[in-house]
Amino acid sequence: MKCNLLTAGLLVFLAACNESLPTYAPPQNVLALRVTTVEQLNDHVAPPGRQEVHLVVVGENVHDEVFQDTVDIRGSMLIWWKRKPDRFRTILLSEQNLSDRTLVHNRKMLLTPGQQFSMDVVWNLRTDDGIYLVSEMDFTKLRQRYCDPNVRCANPEEFVVEVSLNVYNRLGYIAAPSKEFTFVGRTCDVGGYPPCN
């Protein structure tokens, strides 16, 4: 009798072992991504002829729990000119763009609910094929447009920035809402003194 009970118990135990565990499914809507800052750098940092734009992309844990996983940060930022859509720049993003790289430990990153990380990008106003876009901006009526001593300004131009980023291996790519920004081309007055750059 004891032998039969033991055999029956073993069969129940073996049957329980044959049940498969559910496959892991990462939670949905863990990260939100947005372009928070677009600033045209001033003439001391990026003078006429070498103008630049600083952009900041922020990711945030919008999940209601702590999230930690292996990171493989890769993606792209596409910036295109609304007046001339065939003029664009694609900037590749990686872990090197993180403002605070100490967030990543042993290839993993932990984010508490509401915690953010940011990525910095500087764009030199050049397209993928090397065209410096300020040279194609509208500087008509140049003599009437002094915006600083010995500096003249073009018409304001509208640009659009779009970002797609993979942060965690199991979450895949997420996209930020597109963001529009205005840029004003600047050029030195050749006859001005002292030279602006």
Foldseek 3Di string as FASTA:
>chain_A
DVVVVVVVVVVVVVVVVPDDDDDDDDDPPQKAKAWDDWAWDDCVVQNAVFTKIKTKMKMFGQDQAKDKAAWWKWWWKKKAFPVDRVFIAIDIDGLVQKPDNVQADPRMHIHGHGRMTMGMDMGRCAGPVGDNCLVVFACPVQVPADPDQQKGKGPKTKMKMKIWIGTHPNRHIDIYPIDMDIDIRMDGNPPGPPTSD
